[in-house]
Amino acid sequence: MVYGVPALVAGLDRGASAEARVSSDPILTVGDRTARASDETELGRAFKALLDALGGVGHEVTVALELPPGAGLGASAAIAVAAARAVLEAQSGSTADVERVIEGAMAWERVFHGNPSGVDAWASAHGGCFSFVRGSGRKPIYVYRAMTLAICVAGPPASTRLMVEDVARLRERRPEVVQKTFDGIEALVKNAALCVEAGDLPGLGKLLDLNQMLLAGLFLSTPEIERACALARESGALGAKLTGSGGGGAVIALTDGNPEPILESWRSNGLECFASVVQTAESAERLR
């Protein structure tokens, strides 16, 4: 994505929920972590940025997170979107203004990520499925057939910044090889979008496997990721790959609708995992 290669993005059916009330002592609680808007911690500064973007009124916000943090699954954006919705509801009784929700979430994300693309916040706020190209924005993709995913945390996440720097160094040393890989990934993504729109899950699964192979060629995979992908395929997954910046973190596996054999295999090997469904276009619209 850093180099303008398109990516497919989908909103999961689990993320974060939040409650908020107006308070003279703005405080945020996420699980066992607590921060005040007045402190200088990264979490506190992000919370203050979110409140300032939404009007500067102090709130006490409590967030329950259903995603593993720091695993390349957009947990930070999910927290921000949930918190922004809760703050707006506490202010006016309505969270209908999605653009204001994203505005608050982006203020939060900039504290953690500097210059984020906004793709995680947009997916968290809107759901659905879309293709994304840095600098060109989003293109909605019609989900013809619901996609049931099995997702696991295959290892401790690596720094996104360091992984991006590693690819940059590889590109400097072997520009032609890396560009061919980028071109291959772009072709896979475009074909994957067609599979999503046609409901061709077996075809989509094969493209996930090919994408994982190309990402491994960029040294973004790890033995733990490869093992999690192999376990998923051996248990009936249609395809599996890393998600996020690589170097650790999460693996997603596309299933035939029954994720349990894959989840059982991962659990028996000590991996944290769960299932999620990317809804059809019609179902996603009804849920909104």
C-alpha atoms as a PDB file:
ATOM      1  CA  MET A   1       0.000   0.000   0.000  1.00  0.00           C
ATOM      2  CA  VAL A   2       2.896   2.370   0.728  1.00  0.00           C
ATOM      3  CA  TYR A   3       3.848   2.194  -2.964  1.00  0.00           C
ATOM      4  CA  GLY A   4       0.348   2.570  -4.382  1.00  0.00           C
ATOM      5  CA  VAL A   5      -0.438  -1.139  -4.724  1.00  0.00           C
ATOM      6  CA  PRO A   6      -4.176  -1.714  -4.119  1.00  0.00           C
ATOM      7  CA  ALA A   7      -5.443  -3.635  -1.118  1.00  0.00           C
ATOM      8  CA  LEU A   8      -8.754  -5.274  -0.267  1.00  0.00           C
ATOM      9  CA  VAL A   9     -10.223  -4.131   3.037  1.00  0.00           C
ATOM     10  CA  ALA A  10     -13.196  -5.524   4.967  1.00  0.00           C
ATOM     11  CA  GLY A  11     -14.886  -4.502   8.196  1.00  0.00           C
ATOM     12  CA  LEU A  12     -15.112  -7.380  10.689  1.00  0.00           C
ATOM     13  CA  ASP A  13     -18.267  -8.103  12.675  1.00  0.00           C
ATOM     14  CA  ARG A  14     -16.425  -7.661  15.964  1.00  0.00           C
ATOM     15  CA  GLY A  15     -14.363  -4.762  17.203  1.00  0.00           C
ATOM     16  CA  ALA A  16     -15.018  -2.447  20.141  1.00  0.00           C
ATOM     17  CA  SER A  17     -17.921  -0.958  22.092  1.00  0.00           C
ATOM     18  CA  ALA A  18     -17.873   2.128  24.303  1.00  0.00           C
ATOM     19  CA  GLU A  19     -19.880   4.096  26.831  1.00  0.00           C
ATOM     20  CA  ALA A  20     -19.379   7.787  27.606  1.00  0.00           C
ATOM     21  CA  ARG A  21     -20.651  10.481  29.929  1.00  0.00           C
ATOM     22  CA  VAL A  22     -19.759  14.149  30.284  1.00  0.00           C
ATOM     23  CA  SER A  23     -17.114  14.619  32.983  1.00  0.00           C
ATOM     24  CA  SER A  24     -14.951  17.419  34.338  1.00  0.00           C
ATOM     25  CA  ASP A  25     -12.125  14.861  34.591  1.00  0.00           C
ATOM     26  CA  PRO A  26     -11.755  13.391  31.069  1.00  0.00           C
ATOM     27  CA  ILE A  27     -10.590   9.811  31.488  1.00  0.00           C
ATOM     28  CA  LEU A  28     -10.406   6.830  29.139  1.00  0.00           C
ATOM     29  CA  THR A  29     -10.430   3.198  30.202  1.00  0.00           C
ATOM     30  CA  VAL A  30      -9.628   0.436  27.703  1.00  0.00           C
ATOM     31  CA  GLY A  31      -9.563  -2.934  29.434  1.00  0.00           C
ATOM     32  CA  ASP A  32      -6.959  -2.620  32.184  1.00  0.00           C
ATOM     33  CA  ARG A  33      -5.408   0.553  30.737  1.00  0.00           C
ATOM     34  CA  THR A  34      -6.435   4.018  31.904  1.00  0.00           C
ATOM     35  CA  ALA A  35      -5.370   7.457  30.684  1.00  0.00           C
ATOM     36  CA  ARG A  36      -6.432  11.039  31.283  1.00  0.00           C
ATOM     37  CA  ALA A  37      -6.685  13.649  28.563  1.00  0.00           C
ATOM     38  CA  SER A  38      -4.389  15.788  30.725  1.00  0.00           C
ATOM     39  CA  ASP A  39      -1.507  13.317  30.902  1.00  0.00           C
ATOM     40  CA  GLU A  40       1.366  13.022  28.445  1.00  0.00           C
ATOM     41  CA  THR A  41       1.080   9.318  27.679  1.00  0.00           C
ATOM     42  CA  GLU A  42       0.451   8.344  24.078  1.00  0.00           C
ATOM     43  CA  LEU A  43      -2.995   7.014  25.007  1.00  0.00           C
ATOM     44  CA  GLY A  44      -3.819  10.202  26.887  1.00  0.00           C
ATOM     45  CA  ARG A  45      -2.711  12.420  24.013  1.00  0.00           C
ATOM     46  CA  ALA A  46      -4.778  10.359  21.556  1.00  0.00           C
ATOM     47  CA  PHE A  47      -7.824  10.652  23.823  1.00  0.00           C
ATOM     48  CA  LYS A  48      -7.379  14.431  24.082  1.00  0.00           C
ATOM     49  CA  ALA A  49      -7.023  14.726  20.290  1.00  0.00           C
ATOM     50  CA  LEU A  50     -10.269  12.802  19.824  1.00  0.00           C
ATOM     51  CA  LEU A  51     -12.149  14.980  22.332  1.00  0.00           C
ATOM     52  CA  ASP A  52     -10.762  18.187  20.804  1.00  0.00           C
ATOM     53  CA  ALA A  53     -11.834  17.083  17.322  1.00  0.00           C
ATOM     54  CA  LEU A  54     -15.361  16.455  18.591  1.00  0.00           C
ATOM     55  CA  GLY A  55     -15.816  19.772  20.386  1.00  0.00           C
ATOM     56  CA  GLY A  56     -13.413  19.759  23.320  1.00  0.00           C
ATOM     57  CA  VAL A  57     -15.974  18.739  25.963  1.00  0.00           C
ATOM     58  CA  GLY A  58     -14.608  16.415  28.659  1.00  0.00           C
ATOM     59  CA  HIS A  59     -15.965  12.868  28.869  1.00  0.00           C
ATOM     60  CA  GLU A  60     -15.379   9.721  30.845  1.00  0.00           C
ATOM     61  CA  VAL A  61     -15.187   6.883  28.295  1.00  0.00           C
ATOM     62  CA  THR A  62     -15.018   3.142  28.907  1.00  0.00           C
ATOM     63  CA  VAL A  63     -14.141   0.862  25.981  1.00  0.00           C
ATOM     64  CA  ALA A  64     -14.512  -2.912  25.699  1.00  0.00           C
ATOM     65  CA  LEU A  65     -12.256  -4.373  22.997  1.00  0.00           C
ATOM     66  CA  GLU A  66     -13.074  -7.656  21.222  1.00  0.00           C
ATOM     67  CA  LEU A  67      -9.980  -7.684  18.998  1.00  0.00           C
ATOM     68  CA  PRO A  68      -6.395  -8.536  19.915  1.00  0.00           C
ATOM     69  CA  PRO A  69      -4.517  -5.205  19.953  1.00  0.00           C
ATOM     70  CA  GLY A  70      -1.443  -4.566  17.860  1.00  0.00           C
ATOM     71  CA  ALA A  71      -1.980  -7.549  15.571  1.00  0.00           C
ATOM     72  CA  GLY A  72      -2.748  -5.788  12.268  1.00  0.00           C
ATOM     73  CA  LEU A  73      -6.533  -6.056  12.675  1.00  0.00           C
ATOM     74  CA  GLY A  74      -7.341  -2.365  13.131  1.00  0.00           C
ATOM     75  CA  ALA A  75      -7.947  -2.528  16.899  1.00  0.00           C
ATOM     76  CA  SER A  76      -6.740   1.050  17.420  1.00  0.00           C
ATOM     77  CA  ALA A  77      -9.193   2.384  14.845  1.00  0.00           C
ATOM     78  CA  ALA A  78     -12.000   0.251  16.284  1.00  0.00           C
ATOM     79  CA  ILE A  79     -11.387   1.772  19.730  1.00  0.00           C
ATOM     80  CA  ALA A  80     -11.334   5.278  18.275  1.00  0.00           C
ATOM     81  CA  VAL A  81     -14.555   4.821  16.289  1.00  0.00           C
ATOM     82  CA  ALA A  82     -16.377   3.321  19.277  1.00  0.00           C
ATOM     83  CA  ALA A  83     -15.146   6.112  21.577  1.00  0.00           C
ATOM     84  CA  ALA A  84     -16.101   8.817  19.065  1.00  0.00           C
ATOM     85  CA  ARG A  85     -19.592   7.376  18.662  1.00  0.00           C
ATOM     86  CA  ALA A  86     -20.052   7.200  22.428  1.00  0.00           C
ATOM     87  CA  VAL A  87     -18.879  10.794  22.924  1.00  0.00           C
ATOM     88  CA  LEU A  88     -21.211  12.108  20.215  1.00  0.00           C
ATOM     89  CA  GLU A  89     -24.125  10.190  21.705  1.00  0.00           C
ATOM     90  CA  ALA A  90     -23.356  11.599  25.160  1.00  0.00           C
ATOM     91  CA  GLN A  91     -23.255  15.102  23.664  1.00  0.00           C
ATOM     92  CA  SER A  92     -26.370  15.033  21.501  1.00  0.00           C
ATOM     93  CA  GLY A  93     -28.050  11.640  21.809  1.00  0.00           C
ATOM     94  CA  SER A  94     -27.138  10.744  18.213  1.00  0.00           C
ATOM     95  CA  THR A  95     -24.198   9.109  16.424  1.00  0.00           C
ATOM     96  CA  ALA A  96     -25.638   9.527  12.920  1.00  0.00           C
ATOM     97  CA  ASP A  97     -22.869  11.845  11.684  1.00  0.00           C
ATOM     98  CA  VAL A  98     -20.373   9.260  10.413  1.00  0.00           C
ATOM     99  CA  GLU A  99     -18.054  11.951   9.067  1.00  0.00           C
ATOM    100  CA  ARG A 100     -17.652  13.436  12.555  1.00  0.00           C
ATOM    101  CA  VAL A 101     -16.999   9.948  13.931  1.00  0.00           C
ATOM    102  CA  ILE A 102     -14.213   9.475  11.384  1.00  0.00           C
ATOM    103  CA  GLU A 103     -12.886  12.984  12.107  1.00  0.00           C
ATOM    104  CA  GLY A 104     -12.513  12.096  15.783  1.00  0.00           C
ATOM    105  CA  ALA A 105     -11.038   8.684  14.993  1.00  0.00           C
ATOM    106  CA  MET A 106      -8.484  10.174  12.597  1.00  0.00           C
ATOM    107  CA  ALA A 107      -7.342  12.694  15.228  1.00  0.00           C
ATOM    108  CA  TRP A 108      -6.741   9.699  17.514  1.00  0.00           C
ATOM    109  CA  GLU A 109      -4.953   7.683  14.801  1.00  0.00           C
ATOM    110  CA  ARG A 110      -2.580  10.534  13.947  1.00  0.00           C
ATOM    111  CA  VAL A 111      -1.159  10.420  17.476  1.00  0.00           C
ATOM    112  CA  PHE A 112      -0.258   6.725  17.083  1.00  0.00           C
ATOM    113  CA  HIS A 113       0.600   6.535  13.380  1.00  0.00           C
ATOM    114  CA  GLY A 114       1.681  10.032  12.293  1.00  0.00           C
ATOM    115  CA  ASN A 115       0.124  10.139   8.827  1.00  0.00           C
ATOM    116  CA  PRO A 116      -2.376   7.256   8.653  1.00  0.00           C
ATOM    117  CA  SER A 117      -4.136   6.400   5.407  1.00  0.00           C
ATOM    118  CA  GLY A 118      -7.513   6.416   7.168  1.00  0.00           C
ATOM    119  CA  VAL A 119      -8.425   3.019   5.777  1.00  0.00           C
ATOM    120  CA  ASP A 120      -8.786   1.378   9.210  1.00  0.00           C
ATOM    121  CA  ALA A 121     -11.001   4.144  10.589  1.00  0.00           C
ATOM    122  CA  TRP A 122     -13.180   4.122   7.484  1.00  0.00           C
ATOM    123  CA  ALA A 123     -13.611   0.332   7.588  1.00  0.00           C
ATOM    124  CA  SER A 124     -14.413   0.439  11.311  1.00  0.00           C
ATOM    125  CA  ALA A 125     -17.032   3.152  10.844  1.00  0.00           C
ATOM    126  CA  HIS A 126     -18.683   1.873   7.664  1.00  0.00           C
ATOM    127  CA  GLY A 127     -18.050  -1.877   7.504  1.00  0.00           C
ATOM    128  CA  GLY A 128     -18.484  -3.602   4.165  1.00  0.00           C
ATOM    129  CA  CYS A 129     -15.723  -4.375   1.693  1.00  0.00           C
ATOM    130  CA  PHE A 130     -13.739  -2.069  -0.579  1.00  0.00           C
ATOM    131  CA  SER A 131     -10.505  -1.723  -2.487  1.00  0.00           C
ATOM    132  CA  PHE A 132      -8.090   0.973  -1.416  1.00  0.00           C
ATOM    133  CA  VAL A 133      -5.236   2.679  -3.239  1.00  0.00           C
ATOM    134  CA  ARG A 134      -3.111   5.199  -1.386  1.00  0.00           C
ATOM    135  CA  GLY A 135      -3.685   8.626  -2.896  1.00  0.00           C
ATOM    136  CA  SER A 136      -6.726   7.509  -4.884  1.00  0.00           C
ATOM    137  CA  GLY A 137      -9.150   6.554  -2.114  1.00  0.00           C
ATOM    138  CA  ARG A 138     -11.717   3.785  -1.831  1.00  0.00           C
ATOM    139  CA  LYS A 139     -13.850   1.838  -4.269  1.00  0.00           C
ATOM    140  CA  PRO A 140     -16.772  -0.171  -2.815  1.00  0.00           C
ATOM    141  CA  ILE A 141     -16.873  -3.876  -3.651  1.00  0.00           C
ATOM    142  CA  TYR A 142     -20.193  -5.707  -3.807  1.00  0.00           C
ATOM    143  CA  VAL A 143     -20.050  -8.761  -1.517  1.00  0.00           C
ATOM    144  CA  TYR A 144     -22.126 -11.371  -3.333  1.00  0.00           C
ATOM    145  CA  ARG A 145     -21.623 -14.174  -0.794  1.00  0.00           C
ATOM    146  CA  ALA A 146     -20.875 -13.879   2.930  1.00  0.00           C
ATOM    147  CA  MET A 147     -17.255 -14.713   3.743  1.00  0.00           C
ATOM    148  CA  THR A 148     -16.533 -16.560   6.994  1.00  0.00           C
ATOM    149  CA  LEU A 149     -12.987 -15.955   8.188  1.00  0.00           C
ATOM    150  CA  ALA A 150     -10.906 -17.717  10.806  1.00  0.00           C
ATOM    151  CA  ILE A 151      -8.372 -15.340  12.347  1.00  0.00           C
ATOM    152  CA  CYS A 152      -5.479 -16.038  14.683  1.00  0.00           C
ATOM    153  CA  VAL A 153      -2.573 -14.219  16.279  1.00  0.00           C
ATOM    154  CA  ALA A 154       0.466 -16.048  14.923  1.00  0.00           C
ATOM    155  CA  GLY A 155       3.103 -14.252  16.935  1.00  0.00           C
ATOM    156  CA  PRO A 156       4.121 -10.962  18.545  1.00  0.00           C
ATOM    157  CA  PRO A 157       3.585  -8.078  16.111  1.00  0.00           C
ATOM    158  CA  ALA A 158       6.521  -6.272  14.569  1.00  0.00           C
ATOM    159  CA  SER A 159       6.818  -2.508  14.212  1.00  0.00           C
ATOM    160  CA  THR A 160       5.001  -1.309  11.084  1.00  0.00           C
ATOM    161  CA  ARG A 161       7.644   1.366  10.623  1.00  0.00           C
ATOM    162  CA  LEU A 162      10.470  -1.189  10.726  1.00  0.00           C
ATOM    163  CA  MET A 163       8.714  -3.520   8.280  1.00  0.00           C
ATOM    164  CA  VAL A 164       8.153  -0.628   5.852  1.00  0.00           C
ATOM    165  CA  GLU A 165      11.835   0.310   6.174  1.00  0.00           C
ATOM    166  CA  ASP A 166      12.888  -3.289   5.469  1.00  0.00           C
ATOM    167  CA  VAL A 167      10.885  -3.346   2.232  1.00  0.00           C
ATOM    168  CA  ALA A 168      12.330   0.035   1.260  1.00  0.00           C
ATOM    169  CA  ARG A 169      15.877  -1.287   1.700  1.00  0.00           C
ATOM    170  CA  LEU A 170      15.058  -4.412  -0.312  1.00  0.00           C
ATOM    171  CA  ARG A 171      13.575  -2.203  -3.047  1.00  0.00           C
ATOM    172  CA  GLU A 172      16.778  -0.147  -3.152  1.00  0.00           C
ATOM    173  CA  ARG A 173      18.919  -3.279  -3.561  1.00  0.00           C
ATOM    174  CA  ARG A 174      16.692  -5.189  -6.003  1.00  0.00           C
ATOM    175  CA  PRO A 175      14.257  -2.689  -7.583  1.00  0.00           C
ATOM    176  CA  GLU A 176      13.262  -4.857 -10.570  1.00  0.00           C
ATOM    177  CA  VAL A 177      12.495  -7.939  -8.454  1.00  0.00           C
ATOM    178  CA  VAL A 178      10.476  -5.953  -5.918  1.00  0.00           C
ATOM    179  CA  GLN A 179       8.544  -4.149  -8.641  1.00  0.00           C
ATOM    180  CA  LYS A 180       7.616  -7.468 -10.250  1.00  0.00           C
ATOM    181  CA  THR A 181       6.328  -8.607  -6.863  1.00  0.00           C
ATOM    182  CA  PHE A 182       4.294  -5.412  -6.519  1.00  0.00           C
ATOM    183  CA  ASP A 183       2.864  -5.945 -10.003  1.00  0.00           C
ATOM    184  CA  GLY A 184       1.958  -9.517  -9.107  1.00  0.00           C
ATOM    185  CA  ILE A 185       0.197  -8.437  -5.916  1.00  0.00           C
ATOM    186  CA  GLU A 186      -1.752  -5.776  -7.814  1.00  0.00           C
ATOM    187  CA  ALA A 187      -2.975  -8.389 -10.302  1.00  0.00           C
ATOM    188  CA  LEU A 188      -3.994 -10.719  -7.454  1.00  0.00           C
ATOM    189  CA  VAL A 189      -5.921  -7.953  -5.680  1.00  0.00           C
ATOM    190  CA  LYS A 190      -7.829  -7.002  -8.813  1.00  0.00           C
ATOM    191  CA  ASN A 191      -8.767 -10.626  -9.440  1.00  0.00           C
ATOM    192  CA  ALA A 192      -9.678 -11.085  -5.777  1.00  0.00           C
ATOM    193  CA  ALA A 193     -12.148  -8.191  -6.040  1.00  0.00           C
ATOM    194  CA  LEU A 194     -13.795  -9.964  -8.969  1.00  0.00           C
ATOM    195  CA  CYS A 195     -14.014 -13.159  -6.891  1.00  0.00           C
ATOM    196  CA  VAL A 196     -15.699 -11.297  -4.020  1.00  0.00           C
ATOM    197  CA  GLU A 197     -18.229  -9.767  -6.391  1.00  0.00           C
ATOM    198  CA  ALA A 198     -18.928 -13.156  -8.022  1.00  0.00           C
ATOM    199  CA  GLY A 199     -19.040 -15.121  -4.767  1.00  0.00           C
ATOM    200  CA  ASP A 200     -16.167 -17.334  -5.949  1.00  0.00           C
ATOM    201  CA  LEU A 201     -14.726 -18.304  -2.574  1.00  0.00           C
ATOM    202  CA  PRO A 202     -12.477 -21.151  -3.817  1.00  0.00           C
ATOM    203  CA  GLY A 203     -10.936 -18.774  -6.344  1.00  0.00           C
ATOM    204  CA  LEU A 204     -10.486 -16.128  -3.674  1.00  0.00           C
ATOM    205  CA  GLY A 205      -8.798 -18.658  -1.393  1.00  0.00           C
ATOM    206  CA  LYS A 206      -6.219 -19.568  -4.036  1.00  0.00           C
ATOM    207  CA  LEU A 207      -5.442 -15.880  -4.508  1.00  0.00           C
ATOM    208  CA  LEU A 208      -4.885 -15.496  -0.744  1.00  0.00           C
ATOM    209  CA  ASP A 209      -2.326 -18.311  -0.881  1.00  0.00           C
ATOM    210  CA  LEU A 210      -0.551 -16.729  -3.839  1.00  0.00           C
ATOM    211  CA  ASN A 211      -0.519 -13.367  -2.083  1.00  0.00           C
ATOM    212  CA  GLN A 212       1.053 -14.946   0.991  1.00  0.00           C
ATOM    213  CA  MET A 213       3.759 -16.462  -1.187  1.00  0.00           C
ATOM    214  CA  LEU A 214       4.606 -13.059  -2.687  1.00  0.00           C
ATOM    215  CA  LEU A 215       4.606 -11.360   0.733  1.00  0.00           C
ATOM    216  CA  ALA A 216       6.959 -14.054   2.022  1.00  0.00           C
ATOM    217  CA  GLY A 217       9.234 -13.194  -0.907  1.00  0.00           C
ATOM    218  CA  LEU A 218       9.425  -9.656   0.496  1.00  0.00           C
ATOM    219  CA  PHE A 219      10.535 -11.162   3.846  1.00  0.00           C
ATOM    220  CA  LEU A 220       7.317 -10.046   5.556  1.00  0.00           C
ATOM    221  CA  SER A 221       6.375 -13.520   6.756  1.00  0.00           C
ATOM    222  CA  THR A 222       7.753 -15.446   9.730  1.00  0.00           C
ATOM    223  CA  PRO A 223       7.994 -19.149  10.648  1.00  0.00           C
ATOM    224  CA  GLU A 224       5.059 -18.626  13.025  1.00  0.00           C
ATOM    225  CA  ILE A 225       2.928 -17.099  10.261  1.00  0.00           C
ATOM    226  CA  GLU A 226       3.826 -19.875   7.830  1.00  0.00           C
ATOM    227  CA  ARG A 227       2.950 -22.496  10.453  1.00  0.00           C
ATOM    228  CA  ALA A 228      -0.435 -20.872  11.169  1.00  0.00           C
ATOM    229  CA  CYS A 229      -1.204 -20.730   7.435  1.00  0.00           C
ATOM    230  CA  ALA A 230      -0.210 -24.391   7.001  1.00  0.00           C
ATOM    231  CA  LEU A 231      -2.361 -25.505   9.941  1.00  0.00           C
ATOM    232  CA  ALA A 232      -5.319 -23.631   8.460  1.00  0.00           C
ATOM    233  CA  ARG A 233      -4.920 -25.175   5.018  1.00  0.00           C
ATOM    234  CA  GLU A 234      -4.503 -28.669   6.489  1.00  0.00           C
ATOM    235  CA  SER A 235      -7.787 -28.116   8.367  1.00  0.00           C
ATOM    236  CA  GLY A 236      -9.773 -27.185   5.274  1.00  0.00           C
ATOM    237  CA  ALA A 237      -9.136 -23.469   4.744  1.00  0.00           C
ATOM    238  CA  LEU A 238      -9.673 -22.295   1.173  1.00  0.00           C
ATOM    239  CA  GLY A 239      -6.653 -20.010   1.578  1.00  0.00           C
ATOM    240  CA  ALA A 240      -4.655 -18.169   4.236  1.00  0.00           C
ATOM    241  CA  LYS A 241      -2.300 -15.224   4.514  1.00  0.00           C
ATOM    242  CA  LEU A 242      -0.844 -12.684   6.910  1.00  0.00           C
ATOM    243  CA  THR A 243      -2.597  -9.377   7.417  1.00  0.00           C
ATOM    244  CA  GLY A 244      -1.180  -6.043   8.478  1.00  0.00           C
ATOM    245  CA  SER A 245       2.445  -5.083   7.922  1.00  0.00           C
ATOM    246  CA  GLY A 246       3.876  -8.564   8.546  1.00  0.00           C
ATOM    247  CA  GLY A 247       6.755  -9.674  10.696  1.00  0.00           C
ATOM    248  CA  GLY A 248       4.264 -11.169  13.144  1.00  0.00           C
ATOM    249  CA  GLY A 249       0.683 -10.471  14.120  1.00  0.00           C
ATOM    250  CA  ALA A 250      -2.440 -11.967  12.598  1.00  0.00           C
ATOM    251  CA  VAL A 251      -3.272 -14.560   9.950  1.00  0.00           C
ATOM    252  CA  ILE A 252      -6.618 -14.679   8.166  1.00  0.00           C
ATOM    253  CA  ALA A 253      -7.990 -17.884   6.659  1.00  0.00           C
ATOM    254  CA  LEU A 254     -10.971 -18.064   4.327  1.00  0.00           C
ATOM    255  CA  THR A 255     -13.344 -20.924   5.160  1.00  0.00           C
ATOM    256  CA  ASP A 256     -16.126 -22.776   3.380  1.00  0.00           C
ATOM    257  CA  GLY A 257     -18.533 -21.400   5.985  1.00  0.00           C
ATOM    258  CA  ASN A 258     -17.475 -23.619   8.884  1.00  0.00           C
ATOM    259  CA  PRO A 259     -14.450 -22.175  10.720  1.00  0.00           C
ATOM    260  CA  GLU A 260     -14.452 -24.654  13.611  1.00  0.00           C
ATOM    261  CA  PRO A 261     -11.932 -27.223  12.256  1.00  0.00           C
ATOM    262  CA  ILE A 262      -9.426 -24.428  11.656  1.00  0.00           C
ATOM    263  CA  LEU A 263     -10.057 -22.795  15.028  1.00  0.00           C
ATOM    264  CA  GLU A 264      -9.716 -26.147  16.788  1.00  0.00           C
ATOM    265  CA  SER A 265      -6.403 -26.799  15.061  1.00  0.00           C
ATOM    266  CA  TRP A 266      -5.062 -23.376  16.025  1.00  0.00           C
ATOM    267  CA  ARG A 267      -6.278 -23.674  19.618  1.00  0.00           C
ATOM    268  CA  SER A 268      -4.672 -27.111  20.004  1.00  0.00           C
ATOM    269  CA  ASN A 269      -1.408 -25.483  18.969  1.00  0.00           C
ATOM    270  CA  GLY A 270      -1.756 -22.687  21.508  1.00  0.00           C
ATOM    271  CA  LEU A 271      -2.863 -19.909  19.168  1.00  0.00           C
ATOM    272  CA  GLU A 272      -5.393 -17.225  20.135  1.00  0.00           C
ATOM    273  CA  CYS A 273      -8.128 -17.218  17.471  1.00  0.00           C
ATOM    274  CA  PHE A 274     -11.717 -16.364  16.593  1.00  0.00           C
ATOM    275  CA  ALA A 275     -14.143 -16.362  13.653  1.00  0.00           C
ATOM    276  CA  SER A 276     -15.702 -13.399  11.888  1.00  0.00           C
ATOM    277  CA  VAL A 277     -18.091 -12.935   8.985  1.00  0.00           C
ATOM    278  CA  VAL A 278     -17.879 -10.344   6.212  1.00  0.00           C
ATOM    279  CA  GLN A 279     -21.546  -9.830   5.416  1.00  0.00           C
ATOM    280  CA  THR A 280     -23.149  -9.662   1.970  1.00  0.00           C
ATOM    281  CA  ALA A 281     -23.923  -6.181   0.688  1.00  0.00           C
ATOM    282  CA  GLU A 282     -27.607  -6.584   1.560  1.00  0.00           C
ATOM    283  CA  SER A 283     -26.903  -7.868   5.093  1.00  0.00           C
ATOM    284  CA  ALA A 284     -24.391  -5.103   5.772  1.00  0.00           C
ATOM    285  CA  GLU A 285     -26.920  -2.477   4.728  1.00  0.00           C
ATOM    286  CA  ARG A 286     -29.588  -3.970   7.022  1.00  0.00           C
ATOM    287  CA  LEU A 287     -27.156  -3.984   9.972  1.00  0.00           C
ATOM    288  CA  ARG A 288     -26.547  -0.266   9.526  1.00  0.00           C
END
